[in-house]
Amino acid sequence: MRLCIPPLMTLFVLASLSWPLAAGACESLKSRAEHYRDLRRAGGTARQLARWQSQYNHYWNRYQDCHRRGLSAQGVERVQGQAPLDANPQRWRRRQTEVTDPVVRSLLRTCNYWIDEYNQQPTEHARQYRASACRDFASAERRALNPPARLPAQHRPLSECAKPGNVLDNEVLECMQGLRQPSW
């Protein structure tokens, strides 16, 4: 007696064997990878460690592939279309500055680019990029307009100014800056 299996059934059987059907299939691959990772952490011979690393890489790659295919319980969310527009967009005017520093000018161009982008398409992403770029520009402009005060150079080494018993305090700091004579 000859058993005849239709070609469509054969294709279905082969496909089902090559793809895990259970939602927990990805998690089982992850647990196998973690098992080999734990074996490596426990230690062993160089040959064992190399074999376990190879097995870990194999199962971890299969786990990642399983997630990409969307076979896990979490799956991969696929999004199509445009990002939603903000309901109440706050349109900003382009920024200007008198600072000639090239870094500040570059940050100004980036800030103005994202202002224009948001004003044309007020999406959440454009708003976040605009806020970040303009915050960086404002910070750089502030630093360029008000540079931090420089501390006076140290005139004496610590060995000359340290108090007996290697005590360090504000007087020692003043001595190192040349504001006080070591009188101790």
C-alpha atoms as a PDB file:
ATOM      1  CA  MET A   1       0.000   0.000   0.000  1.00  0.00           C
ATOM      2  CA  ARG A   2       1.344   3.346  -0.991  1.00  0.00           C
ATOM      3  CA  LEU A   3       0.691   6.505   1.081  1.00  0.00           C
ATOM      4  CA  CYS A   4       0.217   9.610  -1.000  1.00  0.00           C
ATOM      5  CA  ILE A   5       0.685  12.966   0.740  1.00  0.00           C
ATOM      6  CA  PRO A   6      -0.424  16.066  -1.156  1.00  0.00           C
ATOM      7  CA  PRO A   7       2.387  18.578  -1.857  1.00  0.00           C
ATOM      8  CA  LEU A   8       0.618  21.339   0.063  1.00  0.00           C
ATOM      9  CA  MET A   9       0.496  19.150   3.185  1.00  0.00           C
ATOM     10  CA  THR A  10       4.212  18.376   2.835  1.00  0.00           C
ATOM     11  CA  LEU A  11       5.002  22.079   2.607  1.00  0.00           C
ATOM     12  CA  PHE A  12       2.932  22.779   5.701  1.00  0.00           C
ATOM     13  CA  VAL A  13       4.651  20.024   7.706  1.00  0.00           C
ATOM     14  CA  LEU A  14       8.120  21.245   6.706  1.00  0.00           C
ATOM     15  CA  ALA A  15       7.250  24.841   7.537  1.00  0.00           C
ATOM     16  CA  SER A  16       5.863  23.878  10.916  1.00  0.00           C
ATOM     17  CA  LEU A  17       9.013  21.932  11.761  1.00  0.00           C
ATOM     18  CA  SER A  18      11.295  24.827  10.865  1.00  0.00           C
ATOM     19  CA  TRP A  19       9.340  27.473  12.819  1.00  0.00           C
ATOM     20  CA  PRO A  20       8.611  27.142  16.503  1.00  0.00           C
ATOM     21  CA  LEU A  21       4.869  27.248  17.003  1.00  0.00           C
ATOM     22  CA  ALA A  22       4.657  27.911  20.710  1.00  0.00           C
ATOM     23  CA  ALA A  23       4.771  31.466  22.008  1.00  0.00           C
ATOM     24  CA  GLY A  24       7.356  30.382  24.595  1.00  0.00           C
ATOM     25  CA  ALA A  25       9.766  29.110  21.932  1.00  0.00           C
ATOM     26  CA  CYS A  26      11.813  32.297  22.069  1.00  0.00           C
ATOM     27  CA  GLU A  27      11.988  32.134  25.843  1.00  0.00           C
ATOM     28  CA  SER A  28      13.268  28.548  25.719  1.00  0.00           C
ATOM     29  CA  LEU A  29      16.060  29.665  23.393  1.00  0.00           C
ATOM     30  CA  LYS A  30      16.872  32.485  25.793  1.00  0.00           C
ATOM     31  CA  SER A  31      16.996  30.106  28.766  1.00  0.00           C
ATOM     32  CA  ARG A  32      19.346  27.767  26.850  1.00  0.00           C
ATOM     33  CA  ALA A  33      21.630  30.715  26.069  1.00  0.00           C
ATOM     34  CA  GLU A  34      21.571  31.817  29.717  1.00  0.00           C
ATOM     35  CA  HIS A  35      22.408  28.246  30.784  1.00  0.00           C
ATOM     36  CA  TYR A  36      25.611  28.316  28.710  1.00  0.00           C
ATOM     37  CA  ARG A  37      26.411  31.806  29.964  1.00  0.00           C
ATOM     38  CA  ASP A  38      26.114  30.583  33.553  1.00  0.00           C
ATOM     39  CA  LEU A  39      28.361  27.591  32.796  1.00  0.00           C
ATOM     40  CA  ARG A  40      31.018  29.950  31.469  1.00  0.00           C
ATOM     41  CA  ARG A  41      30.766  32.152  34.542  1.00  0.00           C
ATOM     42  CA  ALA A  42      31.289  29.137  36.781  1.00  0.00           C
ATOM     43  CA  GLY A  43      34.563  28.413  34.994  1.00  0.00           C
ATOM     44  CA  GLY A  44      36.141  25.389  33.374  1.00  0.00           C
ATOM     45  CA  THR A  45      38.920  24.393  31.008  1.00  0.00           C
ATOM     46  CA  ALA A  46      39.720  26.564  28.024  1.00  0.00           C
ATOM     47  CA  ARG A  47      38.161  23.981  25.709  1.00  0.00           C
ATOM     48  CA  GLN A  48      34.946  23.900  27.752  1.00  0.00           C
ATOM     49  CA  LEU A  49      34.750  27.689  27.905  1.00  0.00           C
ATOM     50  CA  ALA A  50      35.194  27.960  24.123  1.00  0.00           C
ATOM     51  CA  ARG A  51      32.496  25.328  23.513  1.00  0.00           C
ATOM     52  CA  TRP A  52      30.093  26.996  25.933  1.00  0.00           C
ATOM     53  CA  GLN A  53      30.711  30.394  24.329  1.00  0.00           C
ATOM     54  CA  SER A  54      29.969  28.888  20.932  1.00  0.00           C
ATOM     55  CA  GLN A  55      26.744  27.341  22.242  1.00  0.00           C
ATOM     56  CA  TYR A  56      25.766  30.607  23.939  1.00  0.00           C
ATOM     57  CA  ASN A  57      26.307  32.559  20.698  1.00  0.00           C
ATOM     58  CA  HIS A  58      24.297  29.971  18.742  1.00  0.00           C
ATOM     59  CA  TYR A  59      21.271  30.062  21.059  1.00  0.00           C
ATOM     60  CA  TRP A  60      21.447  33.821  21.597  1.00  0.00           C
ATOM     61  CA  ASN A  61      21.443  34.454  17.823  1.00  0.00           C
ATOM     62  CA  ARG A  62      18.480  32.080  17.397  1.00  0.00           C
ATOM     63  CA  TYR A  63      16.688  33.895  20.238  1.00  0.00           C
ATOM     64  CA  GLN A  64      17.294  37.288  18.567  1.00  0.00           C
ATOM     65  CA  ASP A  65      16.094  35.886  15.239  1.00  0.00           C
ATOM     66  CA  CYS A  66      12.986  34.502  16.932  1.00  0.00           C
ATOM     67  CA  HIS A  67      12.179  37.963  18.309  1.00  0.00           C
ATOM     68  CA  ARG A  68      12.709  39.568  14.907  1.00  0.00           C
ATOM     69  CA  ARG A  69      10.199  37.161  13.385  1.00  0.00           C
ATOM     70  CA  GLY A  70       7.679  38.088  16.048  1.00  0.00           C
ATOM     71  CA  LEU A  71       7.253  34.606  17.468  1.00  0.00           C
ATOM     72  CA  SER A  72       7.637  35.640  21.089  1.00  0.00           C
ATOM     73  CA  ALA A  73       4.907  36.721  23.429  1.00  0.00           C
ATOM     74  CA  GLN A  74       6.276  40.278  23.279  1.00  0.00           C
ATOM     75  CA  GLY A  75       6.875  40.349  19.529  1.00  0.00           C
ATOM     76  CA  VAL A  76       8.046  43.253  17.455  1.00  0.00           C
ATOM     77  CA  GLU A  77       5.675  46.109  16.911  1.00  0.00           C
ATOM     78  CA  ARG A  78       5.549  47.291  13.334  1.00  0.00           C
ATOM     79  CA  VAL A  79       4.448  50.841  12.693  1.00  0.00           C
ATOM     80  CA  GLN A  80       3.489  52.341   9.381  1.00  0.00           C
ATOM     81  CA  GLY A  81       2.418  55.798   8.399  1.00  0.00           C
ATOM     82  CA  GLN A  82       3.331  59.185   9.763  1.00  0.00           C
ATOM     83  CA  ALA A  83       3.889  60.090  13.378  1.00  0.00           C
ATOM     84  CA  PRO A  84       0.888  61.750  14.988  1.00  0.00           C
ATOM     85  CA  LEU A  85       0.878  65.528  15.026  1.00  0.00           C
ATOM     86  CA  ASP A  86       0.796  67.500  18.261  1.00  0.00           C
ATOM     87  CA  ALA A  87      -2.705  68.755  19.080  1.00  0.00           C
ATOM     88  CA  ASN A  88      -1.492  72.173  20.327  1.00  0.00           C
ATOM     89  CA  PRO A  89       1.830  72.939  18.632  1.00  0.00           C
ATOM     90  CA  GLN A  90       3.912  75.751  20.098  1.00  0.00           C
ATOM     91  CA  ARG A  91       5.587  77.424  17.163  1.00  0.00           C
ATOM     92  CA  TRP A  92       8.952  79.029  17.894  1.00  0.00           C
ATOM     93  CA  ARG A  93      10.725  81.823  16.025  1.00  0.00           C
ATOM     94  CA  ARG A  94      14.196  81.165  14.624  1.00  0.00           C
ATOM     95  CA  ARG A  95      17.017  81.980  17.050  1.00  0.00           C
ATOM     96  CA  GLN A  96      19.780  84.536  16.472  1.00  0.00           C
ATOM     97  CA  THR A  97      23.063  85.295  18.229  1.00  0.00           C
ATOM     98  CA  GLU A  98      25.947  87.746  18.124  1.00  0.00           C
ATOM     99  CA  VAL A  99      28.498  85.115  19.188  1.00  0.00           C
ATOM    100  CA  THR A 100      31.077  84.255  16.506  1.00  0.00           C
ATOM    101  CA  ASP A 101      32.319  81.010  18.022  1.00  0.00           C
ATOM    102  CA  PRO A 102      32.018  78.269  15.326  1.00  0.00           C
ATOM    103  CA  VAL A 103      30.652  75.700  17.787  1.00  0.00           C
ATOM    104  CA  VAL A 104      27.894  78.055  18.898  1.00  0.00           C
ATOM    105  CA  ARG A 105      27.122  78.895  15.251  1.00  0.00           C
ATOM    106  CA  SER A 106      26.834  75.188  14.403  1.00  0.00           C
ATOM    107  CA  LEU A 107      24.498  74.612  17.345  1.00  0.00           C
ATOM    108  CA  LEU A 108      22.447  77.630  16.222  1.00  0.00           C
ATOM    109  CA  ARG A 109      22.026  76.115  12.739  1.00  0.00           C
ATOM    110  CA  THR A 110      20.908  72.816  14.281  1.00  0.00           C
ATOM    111  CA  CYS A 111      18.461  74.556  16.611  1.00  0.00           C
ATOM    112  CA  ASN A 112      16.972  76.592  13.761  1.00  0.00           C
ATOM    113  CA  TYR A 113      16.719  73.480  11.579  1.00  0.00           C
ATOM    114  CA  TRP A 114      14.603  71.690  14.205  1.00  0.00           C
ATOM    115  CA  ILE A 115      12.508  74.826  14.803  1.00  0.00           C
ATOM    116  CA  ASP A 116      11.693  74.868  11.075  1.00  0.00           C
ATOM    117  CA  GLU A 117      11.004  71.130  11.027  1.00  0.00           C
ATOM    118  CA  TYR A 118       8.619  71.349  13.964  1.00  0.00           C
ATOM    119  CA  ASN A 119       6.851  74.417  12.581  1.00  0.00           C
ATOM    120  CA  GLN A 120       6.220  72.524   9.312  1.00  0.00           C
ATOM    121  CA  GLN A 121       5.374  69.098  10.834  1.00  0.00           C
ATOM    122  CA  PRO A 122       4.622  69.369  14.570  1.00  0.00           C
ATOM    123  CA  THR A 123       5.356  65.755  15.585  1.00  0.00           C
ATOM    124  CA  GLU A 124       6.474  64.624  19.025  1.00  0.00           C
ATOM    125  CA  HIS A 125       9.903  63.584  17.708  1.00  0.00           C
ATOM    126  CA  ALA A 126      10.511  66.959  16.070  1.00  0.00           C
ATOM    127  CA  ARG A 127       9.468  68.704  19.303  1.00  0.00           C
ATOM    128  CA  GLN A 128      11.932  66.646  21.336  1.00  0.00           C
ATOM    129  CA  TYR A 129      14.776  67.227  18.866  1.00  0.00           C
ATOM    130  CA  ARG A 130      13.961  70.939  18.777  1.00  0.00           C
ATOM    131  CA  ALA A 131      14.009  71.176  22.580  1.00  0.00           C
ATOM    132  CA  SER A 132      17.306  69.299  22.858  1.00  0.00           C
ATOM    133  CA  ALA A 133      19.069  71.222  20.074  1.00  0.00           C
ATOM    134  CA  CYS A 134      17.923  74.620  21.337  1.00  0.00           C
ATOM    135  CA  ARG A 135      18.835  73.760  24.942  1.00  0.00           C
ATOM    136  CA  ASP A 136      22.363  72.830  23.813  1.00  0.00           C
ATOM    137  CA  PHE A 137      22.616  76.042  21.804  1.00  0.00           C
ATOM    138  CA  ALA A 138      21.468  78.203  24.740  1.00  0.00           C
ATOM    139  CA  SER A 139      23.968  76.527  27.056  1.00  0.00           C
ATOM    140  CA  ALA A 140      26.878  77.016  24.624  1.00  0.00           C
ATOM    141  CA  GLU A 141      25.873  80.629  23.989  1.00  0.00           C
ATOM    142  CA  ARG A 142      25.744  81.309  27.737  1.00  0.00           C
ATOM    143  CA  ARG A 143      29.233  79.820  28.202  1.00  0.00           C
ATOM    144  CA  ALA A 144      30.591  81.892  25.296  1.00  0.00           C
ATOM    145  CA  LEU A 145      29.097  85.148  26.604  1.00  0.00           C
ATOM    146  CA  ASN A 146      30.035  84.522  30.269  1.00  0.00           C
ATOM    147  CA  PRO A 147      33.185  82.403  30.416  1.00  0.00           C
ATOM    148  CA  PRO A 148      33.907  80.909  33.844  1.00  0.00           C
ATOM    149  CA  ALA A 149      36.292  82.885  36.030  1.00  0.00           C
ATOM    150  CA  ARG A 150      39.779  81.467  36.034  1.00  0.00           C
ATOM    151  CA  LEU A 151      41.323  80.521  39.328  1.00  0.00           C
ATOM    152  CA  PRO A 152      44.675  82.108  40.085  1.00  0.00           C
ATOM    153  CA  ALA A 153      47.646  79.959  39.170  1.00  0.00           C
ATOM    154  CA  GLN A 154      49.314  78.053  41.989  1.00  0.00           C
ATOM    155  CA  HIS A 155      52.486  79.864  42.967  1.00  0.00           C
ATOM    156  CA  ARG A 156      53.816  77.408  45.551  1.00  0.00           C
ATOM    157  CA  PRO A 157      53.837  73.624  45.688  1.00  0.00           C
ATOM    158  CA  LEU A 158      51.860  71.825  48.380  1.00  0.00           C
ATOM    159  CA  SER A 159      55.060  70.634  50.050  1.00  0.00           C
ATOM    160  CA  GLU A 160      55.979  74.257  50.896  1.00  0.00           C
ATOM    161  CA  CYS A 161      52.523  75.173  52.211  1.00  0.00           C
ATOM    162  CA  ALA A 162      51.402  72.056  54.118  1.00  0.00           C
ATOM    163  CA  LYS A 163      50.983  72.565  57.862  1.00  0.00           C
ATOM    164  CA  PRO A 164      52.749  70.302  60.388  1.00  0.00           C
ATOM    165  CA  GLY A 165      51.132  66.846  60.408  1.00  0.00           C
ATOM    166  CA  ASN A 166      50.116  67.328  56.752  1.00  0.00           C
ATOM    167  CA  VAL A 167      47.025  69.308  57.721  1.00  0.00           C
ATOM    168  CA  LEU A 168      45.263  70.835  54.723  1.00  0.00           C
ATOM    169  CA  ASP A 169      42.779  73.670  55.119  1.00  0.00           C
ATOM    170  CA  ASN A 170      41.792  76.974  53.534  1.00  0.00           C
ATOM    171  CA  GLU A 171      44.979  78.684  54.748  1.00  0.00           C
ATOM    172  CA  VAL A 172      47.075  76.082  52.928  1.00  0.00           C
ATOM    173  CA  LEU A 173      45.044  76.680  49.766  1.00  0.00           C
ATOM    174  CA  GLU A 174      45.597  80.430  50.065  1.00  0.00           C
ATOM    175  CA  CYS A 175      49.326  79.788  50.537  1.00  0.00           C
ATOM    176  CA  MET A 176      49.456  77.660  47.371  1.00  0.00           C
ATOM    177  CA  GLN A 177      47.685  80.426  45.438  1.00  0.00           C
ATOM    178  CA  GLY A 178      50.262  82.939  46.665  1.00  0.00           C
ATOM    179  CA  LEU A 179      47.772  84.892  48.803  1.00  0.00           C
ATOM    180  CA  ARG A 180      49.355  84.002  52.158  1.00  0.00           C
ATOM    181  CA  GLN A 181      52.838  83.302  53.482  1.00  0.00           C
ATOM    182  CA  PRO A 182      53.412  79.962  55.219  1.00  0.00           C
ATOM    183  CA  SER A 183      53.891  81.069  58.841  1.00  0.00           C
ATOM    184  CA  TRP A 184      53.399  77.722  60.585  1.00  0.00           C
END
